[in-house]
Protein backbone atom coordinates (compact mmCIF):
# COMPACT_ATOMS: atom_id res chain seq x y z
CA UNK A 1 0.00 0.00 0.00
CA UNK A 2 2.79 2.43 0.85
CA UNK A 3 4.85 1.58 -2.22
CA UNK A 4 2.23 2.83 -4.69
CA UNK A 5 2.34 6.53 -5.48
CA UNK A 6 -0.79 8.60 -5.12
CA UNK A 7 -2.07 9.98 -8.45
CA UNK A 8 -1.09 13.54 -7.58
CA UNK A 9 2.47 12.55 -6.66
CA UNK A 10 2.73 10.44 -9.79
CA UNK A 11 1.67 13.41 -11.93
CA UNK A 12 4.32 15.58 -10.26
CA UNK A 13 6.94 12.90 -10.89
CA UNK A 14 5.99 12.56 -14.56
CA UNK A 15 5.94 16.34 -15.00
CA UNK A 16 9.35 16.67 -13.36
CA UNK A 17 10.79 13.95 -15.58
CA UNK A 18 9.38 15.59 -18.73
CA UNK A 19 10.86 18.94 -17.72
CA UNK A 20 14.25 17.34 -17.08
CA UNK A 21 14.16 15.58 -20.48
CA UNK A 22 13.35 18.89 -22.18
CA UNK A 23 16.17 20.63 -20.31
CA UNK A 24 18.65 17.90 -21.23
CA UNK A 25 17.58 17.95 -24.90
CA UNK A 26 18.14 21.71 -24.94
CA UNK A 27 21.52 21.22 -23.25
CA UNK A 28 22.40 18.61 -25.90
CA UNK A 29 21.51 20.95 -28.76
CA UNK A 30 23.56 23.75 -27.21
CA UNK A 31 26.50 21.39 -26.69
CA UNK A 32 26.32 20.34 -30.35
CA UNK A 33 26.32 24.00 -31.43
CA UNK A 34 29.34 24.64 -29.20
CA UNK A 35 31.06 21.58 -30.69
CA UNK A 36 31.45 19.87 -27.33
CA UNK A 37 33.54 16.75 -26.98
CA UNK A 38 32.12 13.36 -27.87
CA UNK A 39 32.32 12.32 -24.22
CA UNK A 40 30.18 15.27 -23.10
CA UNK A 41 27.58 14.58 -25.79
CA UNK A 42 27.49 10.89 -24.87
CA UNK A 43 27.04 11.77 -21.20
CA UNK A 44 24.04 14.00 -21.95
CA UNK A 45 22.50 11.39 -24.28
CA UNK A 46 22.86 8.73 -21.59
CA UNK A 47 21.10 10.93 -19.04
CA UNK A 48 18.26 11.52 -21.52
CA UNK A 49 17.88 7.76 -22.03
CA UNK A 50 17.76 7.20 -18.27
CA UNK A 51 15.04 9.81 -17.81
CA UNK A 52 13.04 8.46 -20.76
CA UNK A 53 13.22 5.02 -19.14
CA UNK A 54 11.90 6.53 -15.90
CA UNK A 55 9.06 8.16 -17.76
CA UNK A 56 8.02 4.87 -19.40
CA UNK A 57 8.28 2.84 -16.20
CA UNK A 58 6.18 5.33 -14.22
CA UNK A 59 3.20 4.93 -16.59
CA UNK A 60 2.34 1.49 -15.22
C-alpha atoms as a PDB file:
ATOM      1  CA  UNK A   1       0.000   0.000   0.000  1.00  0.00           C
ATOM      2  CA  UNK A   2       2.786   2.433   0.851  1.00  0.00           C
ATOM      3  CA  UNK A   3       4.851   1.580  -2.217  1.00  0.00           C
ATOM      4  CA  UNK A   4       2.234   2.826  -4.688  1.00  0.00           C
ATOM      5  CA  UNK A   5       2.338   6.527  -5.484  1.00  0.00           C
ATOM      6  CA  UNK A   6      -0.789   8.597  -5.120  1.00  0.00           C
ATOM      7  CA  UNK A   7      -2.070   9.975  -8.450  1.00  0.00           C
ATOM      8  CA  UNK A   8      -1.088  13.544  -7.579  1.00  0.00           C
ATOM      9  CA  UNK A   9       2.466  12.554  -6.657  1.00  0.00           C
ATOM     10  CA  UNK A  10       2.735  10.435  -9.790  1.00  0.00           C
ATOM     11  CA  UNK A  11       1.670  13.414 -11.932  1.00  0.00           C
ATOM     12  CA  UNK A  12       4.318  15.581 -10.259  1.00  0.00           C
ATOM     13  CA  UNK A  13       6.943  12.903 -10.888  1.00  0.00           C
ATOM     14  CA  UNK A  14       5.988  12.562 -14.560  1.00  0.00           C
ATOM     15  CA  UNK A  15       5.938  16.345 -15.001  1.00  0.00           C
ATOM     16  CA  UNK A  16       9.352  16.669 -13.364  1.00  0.00           C
ATOM     17  CA  UNK A  17      10.791  13.950 -15.584  1.00  0.00           C
ATOM     18  CA  UNK A  18       9.379  15.587 -18.728  1.00  0.00           C
ATOM     19  CA  UNK A  19      10.863  18.939 -17.716  1.00  0.00           C
ATOM     20  CA  UNK A  20      14.251  17.337 -17.075  1.00  0.00           C
ATOM     21  CA  UNK A  21      14.157  15.584 -20.476  1.00  0.00           C
ATOM     22  CA  UNK A  22      13.354  18.895 -22.181  1.00  0.00           C
ATOM     23  CA  UNK A  23      16.166  20.625 -20.312  1.00  0.00           C
ATOM     24  CA  UNK A  24      18.648  17.898 -21.232  1.00  0.00           C
ATOM     25  CA  UNK A  25      17.582  17.946 -24.898  1.00  0.00           C
ATOM     26  CA  UNK A  26      18.143  21.706 -24.943  1.00  0.00           C
ATOM     27  CA  UNK A  27      21.522  21.216 -23.250  1.00  0.00           C
ATOM     28  CA  UNK A  28      22.399  18.614 -25.895  1.00  0.00           C
ATOM     29  CA  UNK A  29      21.506  20.948 -28.762  1.00  0.00           C
ATOM     30  CA  UNK A  30      23.558  23.755 -27.206  1.00  0.00           C
ATOM     31  CA  UNK A  31      26.500  21.392 -26.687  1.00  0.00           C
ATOM     32  CA  UNK A  32      26.316  20.344 -30.346  1.00  0.00           C
ATOM     33  CA  UNK A  33      26.324  24.000 -31.429  1.00  0.00           C
ATOM     34  CA  UNK A  34      29.336  24.638 -29.201  1.00  0.00           C
ATOM     35  CA  UNK A  35      31.062  21.577 -30.690  1.00  0.00           C
ATOM     36  CA  UNK A  36      31.452  19.872 -27.328  1.00  0.00           C
ATOM     37  CA  UNK A  37      33.544  16.748 -26.975  1.00  0.00           C
ATOM     38  CA  UNK A  38      32.119  13.360 -27.872  1.00  0.00           C
ATOM     39  CA  UNK A  39      32.317  12.322 -24.218  1.00  0.00           C
ATOM     40  CA  UNK A  40      30.177  15.268 -23.102  1.00  0.00           C
ATOM     41  CA  UNK A  41      27.577  14.577 -25.795  1.00  0.00           C
ATOM     42  CA  UNK A  42      27.491  10.890 -24.875  1.00  0.00           C
ATOM     43  CA  UNK A  43      27.040  11.771 -21.197  1.00  0.00           C
ATOM     44  CA  UNK A  44      24.038  13.997 -21.949  1.00  0.00           C
ATOM     45  CA  UNK A  45      22.502  11.395 -24.282  1.00  0.00           C
ATOM     46  CA  UNK A  46      22.863   8.730 -21.593  1.00  0.00           C
ATOM     47  CA  UNK A  47      21.104  10.930 -19.043  1.00  0.00           C
ATOM     48  CA  UNK A  48      18.258  11.519 -21.523  1.00  0.00           C
ATOM     49  CA  UNK A  49      17.880   7.755 -22.032  1.00  0.00           C
ATOM     50  CA  UNK A  50      17.756   7.203 -18.269  1.00  0.00           C
ATOM     51  CA  UNK A  51      15.036   9.814 -17.812  1.00  0.00           C
ATOM     52  CA  UNK A  52      13.041   8.455 -20.762  1.00  0.00           C
ATOM     53  CA  UNK A  53      13.220   5.023 -19.140  1.00  0.00           C
ATOM     54  CA  UNK A  54      11.902   6.526 -15.901  1.00  0.00           C
ATOM     55  CA  UNK A  55       9.058   8.156 -17.761  1.00  0.00           C
ATOM     56  CA  UNK A  56       8.025   4.875 -19.400  1.00  0.00           C
ATOM     57  CA  UNK A  57       8.276   2.835 -16.204  1.00  0.00           C
ATOM     58  CA  UNK A  58       6.178   5.334 -14.220  1.00  0.00           C
ATOM     59  CA  UNK A  59       3.197   4.932 -16.593  1.00  0.00           C
ATOM     60  CA  UNK A  60       2.335   1.489 -15.218  1.00  0.00           C
END
